[in-house]
Amino acid sequence: MNTTLKTMAAAAVAGGVAFGTDAHAEPIRNIVLVHGAFADGSGWRGVYDNLTARGYAVSIVQNPLTSFADDVAATRRVLNRQDGPVILVGHSYGGSVITEAGVDPIVAGLVYVAAFAPEIGQSTLDQYAEIPPPPNFVPEEQSDGFAYLNSDLFRAGFAGDADEADAAFLRDAQVPISMAALAAPVTVAAWMNKPSWYVVATEDGAIAPDLLRSTASRIGAETTEVPGSHVVFLTRPEAVADVIDAAAKGAAEALQETGGTATLPPAE
């Protein structure tokens, strides 16, 4: 067993998850999907359809994007509705959210999809210090502190491989995010104690692919490169679902290695 899995086991037990003595770990069937900035949960529809067809129970968080604390709370609210171990998935800024919320003992594994994964004390925006965003990714802060993406550059920066109609709809339906949410530091880092998987979008126009690769390497994630834009989950849903499926199986094996089947803590 590698060090990450050993640490995960210790953290899970400390957090209140009990491990049974069954010879075979139960498969992880619960998936929670967390969207990022400038979007809502509807973009996950293709991934949702693919995973539910495989027998998974999938829940989608609707982040308000009003503050980092609000988005973490929205994710925890959905986690609290689950009836067993969970694979927690985050896209883009949603990666920062799952980094904070993923310490919940019900979370057995993390999947980052073209996402940020801050260190403790770092914010989403801090991640760009290593490699700045590509030139077509241009958030425009409004007078109230919320930001939209530049309309003229939206497709190139956010959804380069989406067809023109879909890109236009995403542009016109974008959800503004509080810039304070992007500047808020994480206080914990779930990837330090939970097994992680990572999707690198090789044509990402919002986060440089080299930054995605270095992030995946830094957190020790099992990495898959998928040709696609920043919204690779929308344009390549089957490929993203394949990674989530692999994570669900891999995390179940990790639980088995660390002592058996994960169960929820007793209800209070």
Protein backbone atom coordinates (compact mmCIF):
# COMPACT_ATOMS: atom_id res chain seq x y z
CA MET A 1 0.00 0.00 0.00
CA ASN A 2 1.43 3.44 -0.86
CA THR A 3 1.88 6.25 1.65
CA THR A 4 -1.12 8.20 0.38
CA LEU A 5 -3.47 5.28 0.96
CA LYS A 6 -2.05 4.65 4.42
CA THR A 7 -2.55 8.30 5.33
CA MET A 8 -6.06 8.24 3.90
CA ALA A 9 -6.94 5.26 6.08
CA ALA A 10 -5.66 6.94 9.22
CA ALA A 11 -7.49 10.15 8.43
CA ALA A 12 -10.71 8.33 7.65
CA VAL A 13 -10.67 6.40 10.90
CA ALA A 14 -9.88 9.59 12.83
CA GLY A 15 -12.75 11.32 11.06
CA GLY A 16 -15.31 8.75 12.11
CA VAL A 17 -15.52 6.28 9.23
CA ALA A 18 -15.47 2.71 10.44
CA PHE A 19 -13.89 -0.08 8.43
CA GLY A 20 -15.34 -3.54 8.51
CA THR A 21 -13.55 -6.85 8.14
CA ASP A 22 -15.26 -8.09 4.96
CA ALA A 23 -12.93 -9.73 2.44
CA HIS A 24 -14.29 -7.59 -0.38
CA ALA A 25 -14.87 -3.86 -0.31
CA GLU A 26 -18.27 -2.73 -1.47
CA PRO A 27 -18.11 -0.73 -4.70
CA ILE A 28 -18.39 3.03 -4.33
CA ARG A 29 -21.61 4.03 -6.09
CA ASN A 30 -22.11 7.64 -5.01
CA ILE A 31 -20.69 10.43 -7.16
CA VAL A 32 -20.95 14.15 -6.34
CA LEU A 33 -20.11 16.63 -9.12
CA VAL A 34 -19.02 20.21 -8.35
CA HIS A 35 -18.95 22.85 -11.09
CA GLY A 36 -16.60 25.79 -11.33
CA ALA A 37 -16.78 29.53 -11.98
CA PHE A 38 -18.88 31.18 -14.69
CA ALA A 39 -21.09 28.08 -15.00
CA ASP A 40 -23.68 25.99 -13.20
CA GLY A 41 -24.29 22.30 -12.69
CA SER A 42 -26.18 21.74 -15.94
CA GLY A 43 -22.93 21.33 -17.85
CA TRP A 44 -22.45 17.98 -16.13
CA ARG A 45 -25.49 16.49 -17.91
CA GLY A 46 -23.47 14.31 -20.30
CA VAL A 47 -21.29 12.96 -17.48
CA TYR A 48 -24.39 12.45 -15.33
CA ASP A 49 -26.14 10.46 -18.07
CA ASN A 50 -23.07 8.34 -18.69
CA LEU A 51 -22.47 7.52 -15.03
CA THR A 52 -26.11 6.82 -14.17
CA ALA A 53 -26.22 4.42 -17.14
CA ARG A 54 -23.33 2.58 -15.46
CA GLY A 55 -25.33 2.27 -12.24
CA TYR A 56 -23.91 5.15 -10.23
CA ALA A 57 -25.99 7.44 -8.03
CA VAL A 58 -24.97 10.93 -9.12
CA SER A 59 -25.67 14.24 -7.35
CA ILE A 60 -24.80 17.66 -8.69
CA VAL A 61 -23.90 20.63 -6.52
CA GLN A 62 -25.22 24.04 -7.53
CA ASN A 63 -22.59 26.43 -6.21
CA PRO A 64 -23.97 29.94 -5.65
CA LEU A 65 -20.50 31.39 -6.45
CA THR A 66 -21.19 34.14 -3.91
CA SER A 67 -18.26 33.24 -1.63
CA PHE A 68 -15.86 30.36 -1.14
CA ALA A 69 -17.52 29.53 2.18
CA ASP A 70 -20.94 29.45 0.51
CA ASP A 71 -19.70 27.07 -2.19
CA VAL A 72 -18.05 24.75 0.32
CA ALA A 73 -21.26 24.78 2.36
CA ALA A 74 -23.32 23.93 -0.75
CA THR A 75 -21.04 20.96 -1.42
CA ARG A 76 -21.21 19.75 2.17
CA ARG A 77 -24.99 20.01 2.02
CA VAL A 78 -25.04 17.52 -0.86
CA LEU A 79 -22.46 15.26 0.82
CA ASN A 80 -24.72 15.10 3.86
CA ARG A 81 -27.45 13.55 1.69
CA GLN A 82 -25.33 10.59 0.60
CA ASP A 83 -25.86 7.11 2.01
CA GLY A 84 -22.34 5.74 1.64
CA PRO A 85 -18.80 6.50 0.48
CA VAL A 86 -18.48 9.19 -2.19
CA ILE A 87 -16.24 10.12 -5.08
CA LEU A 88 -16.11 13.92 -5.07
CA VAL A 89 -15.44 15.55 -8.44
CA GLY A 90 -14.52 19.19 -9.08
CA HIS A 91 -14.04 21.19 -12.26
CA SER A 92 -11.81 24.29 -12.41
CA TYR A 93 -12.57 26.46 -9.34
CA GLY A 94 -14.61 23.48 -8.15
CA GLY A 95 -11.25 21.82 -7.51
CA SER A 96 -10.58 24.38 -4.79
CA VAL A 97 -14.02 23.65 -3.35
CA ILE A 98 -13.45 19.89 -3.20
CA THR A 99 -9.99 20.45 -1.75
CA GLU A 100 -11.71 22.07 1.25
CA ALA A 101 -14.94 20.04 1.42
CA GLY A 102 -13.28 16.71 0.58
CA VAL A 103 -11.91 16.20 4.08
CA ASP A 104 -15.38 14.98 5.02
CA PRO A 105 -14.94 11.35 6.11
CA ILE A 106 -17.62 10.21 3.67
CA VAL A 107 -15.34 11.16 0.76
CA ALA A 108 -13.28 8.18 -0.38
CA GLY A 109 -11.59 9.74 -3.39
CA LEU A 110 -11.24 12.96 -5.38
CA VAL A 111 -11.35 13.65 -9.11
CA TYR A 112 -10.00 16.94 -10.42
CA VAL A 113 -11.18 17.88 -13.93
CA ALA A 114 -9.03 20.65 -15.42
CA ALA A 115 -9.05 21.97 -11.89
CA PHE A 116 -7.19 23.87 -9.23
CA ALA A 117 -5.88 22.03 -6.16
CA PRO A 118 -4.44 24.61 -3.76
CA GLU A 119 -2.02 23.98 -0.96
CA ILE A 120 -3.19 24.92 2.53
CA GLY A 121 -3.21 28.70 2.71
CA GLN A 122 -3.39 29.18 -1.07
CA SER A 123 -6.33 30.51 -3.03
CA THR A 124 -7.59 29.70 -6.49
CA LEU A 125 -5.97 32.84 -7.90
CA ASP A 126 -2.66 31.99 -6.22
CA GLN A 127 -2.37 28.98 -8.52
CA TYR A 128 -1.82 31.27 -11.48
CA ALA A 129 1.43 32.53 -9.93
CA GLU A 130 3.19 29.47 -11.33
CA ILE A 131 1.84 29.80 -14.88
CA PRO A 132 -0.49 32.71 -15.79
CA PRO A 133 -3.79 32.04 -17.57
CA PRO A 134 -3.77 31.86 -21.38
CA PRO A 135 -4.37 35.20 -23.14
CA ASN A 136 -7.99 34.54 -24.14
CA PHE A 137 -9.15 33.93 -20.57
CA VAL A 138 -10.23 37.39 -19.44
CA PRO A 139 -12.45 37.80 -16.35
CA GLU A 140 -14.00 41.25 -16.11
CA GLU A 141 -14.77 42.37 -12.58
CA GLN A 142 -17.96 44.40 -12.18
CA SER A 143 -18.52 47.25 -9.76
CA ASP A 144 -20.06 44.88 -7.21
CA GLY A 145 -17.02 42.61 -7.05
CA PHE A 146 -18.44 39.84 -9.26
CA ALA A 147 -16.85 38.87 -12.57
CA TYR A 148 -17.99 37.63 -15.97
CA LEU A 149 -15.75 36.37 -18.75
CA ASN A 150 -15.17 38.69 -21.68
CA SER A 151 -17.89 37.89 -24.22
CA ASP A 152 -15.75 38.30 -27.33
CA LEU A 153 -13.06 35.93 -26.02
CA PHE A 154 -15.38 33.53 -24.23
CA ARG A 155 -15.29 30.66 -26.71
CA ALA A 156 -11.54 30.78 -27.22
CA GLY A 157 -10.82 30.99 -23.51
CA PHE A 158 -13.46 28.71 -22.08
CA ALA A 159 -15.09 26.42 -24.63
CA GLY A 160 -12.85 26.19 -27.66
CA ASP A 161 -13.99 22.72 -28.74
CA ALA A 162 -17.71 23.33 -28.19
CA ASP A 163 -19.78 23.98 -31.26
CA GLU A 164 -20.70 27.59 -31.95
CA ALA A 165 -24.26 27.29 -30.64
CA ASP A 166 -23.25 25.60 -27.39
CA ALA A 167 -20.44 28.08 -26.82
CA ALA A 168 -22.83 30.98 -27.38
CA PHE A 169 -25.30 29.53 -24.89
CA LEU A 170 -22.58 29.03 -22.27
CA ARG A 171 -21.42 32.60 -22.84
CA ASP A 172 -24.88 34.07 -22.44
CA ALA A 173 -25.82 31.84 -19.51
CA GLN A 174 -22.59 32.30 -17.57
CA VAL A 175 -22.91 32.73 -13.81
CA PRO A 176 -20.81 35.54 -12.33
CA ILE A 177 -18.46 34.66 -9.48
CA SER A 178 -17.37 36.76 -6.54
CA MET A 179 -13.72 37.66 -7.00
CA ALA A 180 -13.42 37.30 -3.23
CA ALA A 181 -14.30 33.62 -3.63
CA LEU A 182 -11.35 33.17 -6.00
CA ALA A 183 -9.06 34.98 -3.56
CA ALA A 184 -10.10 32.96 -0.48
CA PRO A 185 -7.44 30.52 0.78
CA VAL A 186 -8.21 26.91 1.56
CA THR A 187 -7.74 25.92 5.19
CA VAL A 188 -7.31 22.18 4.58
CA ALA A 189 -6.26 20.08 1.59
CA ALA A 190 -8.18 16.85 1.14
CA TRP A 191 -5.82 15.61 -1.58
CA MET A 192 -3.12 15.25 1.06
CA ASN A 193 -4.99 12.33 2.66
CA LYS A 194 -7.34 11.05 -0.05
CA PRO A 195 -6.45 9.22 -3.29
CA SER A 196 -6.85 11.54 -6.26
CA TRP A 197 -7.37 11.33 -10.00
CA TYR A 198 -6.85 14.17 -12.46
CA VAL A 199 -8.07 15.01 -15.97
CA VAL A 200 -5.73 17.26 -17.96
CA ALA A 201 -7.57 19.05 -20.77
CA THR A 202 -4.83 19.31 -23.38
CA GLU A 203 -6.40 22.29 -25.18
CA ASP A 204 -7.48 24.24 -22.08
CA GLY A 205 -7.73 27.97 -22.75
CA ALA A 206 -8.48 28.97 -19.14
CA ILE A 207 -5.78 27.09 -17.22
CA ALA A 208 -2.59 26.37 -19.13
CA PRO A 209 -2.24 22.61 -19.74
CA ASP A 210 1.28 22.75 -18.27
CA LEU A 211 -0.20 24.13 -15.04
CA LEU A 212 -2.77 21.32 -15.03
CA ARG A 213 0.03 18.78 -15.45
CA SER A 214 2.18 20.28 -12.70
CA THR A 215 -0.84 20.43 -10.38
CA ALA A 216 -1.64 16.77 -10.99
CA SER A 217 1.99 15.84 -10.34
CA ARG A 218 2.20 17.98 -7.19
CA ILE A 219 -0.80 16.31 -5.55
CA GLY A 220 0.25 12.82 -6.64
CA ALA A 221 -2.87 12.18 -8.69
CA GLU A 222 -3.35 9.42 -11.21
CA THR A 223 -3.48 11.48 -14.40
CA THR A 224 -5.33 11.11 -17.69
CA GLU A 225 -4.86 13.52 -20.59
CA VAL A 226 -7.98 14.16 -22.65
CA PRO A 227 -7.98 16.27 -25.83
CA GLY A 228 -10.41 19.07 -25.09
CA SER A 229 -11.00 22.62 -23.92
CA HIS A 230 -11.59 23.86 -20.38
CA VAL A 231 -15.13 22.44 -20.56
CA VAL A 232 -13.83 18.97 -21.39
CA PHE A 233 -16.51 17.49 -19.12
CA LEU A 234 -19.12 18.95 -21.48
CA THR A 235 -17.45 18.13 -24.79
CA ARG A 236 -15.88 14.78 -23.82
CA PRO A 237 -18.29 13.42 -21.19
CA GLU A 238 -17.53 9.75 -21.79
CA ALA A 239 -13.80 10.25 -21.33
CA VAL A 240 -14.37 12.17 -18.10
CA ALA A 241 -16.87 9.57 -16.90
CA ASP A 242 -14.26 6.87 -17.56
CA VAL A 243 -11.86 8.59 -15.17
CA ILE A 244 -14.56 8.94 -12.51
CA ASP A 245 -15.43 5.27 -12.95
CA ALA A 246 -11.76 4.35 -12.51
CA ALA A 247 -11.62 6.50 -9.38
CA ALA A 248 -14.69 4.79 -7.90
CA LYS A 249 -13.08 1.40 -8.45
CA GLY A 250 -9.65 2.50 -7.30
CA ALA A 251 -10.92 4.14 -4.13
CA ALA A 252 -12.92 1.01 -3.30
CA GLU A 253 -9.75 -1.04 -3.65
CA ALA A 254 -7.96 1.45 -1.39
CA LEU A 255 -10.61 1.01 1.27
CA GLN A 256 -10.22 -2.75 1.00
CA GLU A 257 -6.46 -2.47 1.41
CA THR A 258 -6.89 -0.33 4.50
CA GLY A 259 -9.18 -2.75 6.27
CA GLY A 260 -12.46 -3.41 4.51
CA THR A 261 -15.75 -1.74 3.70
CA ALA A 262 -16.28 1.90 4.55
CA THR A 263 -19.44 2.68 6.45
CA LEU A 264 -21.03 5.90 7.58
CA PRO A 265 -20.63 7.00 11.18
CA PRO A 266 -23.69 6.33 13.35
CA ALA A 267 -26.45 8.89 13.06
CA GLU A 268 -26.59 11.31 15.95
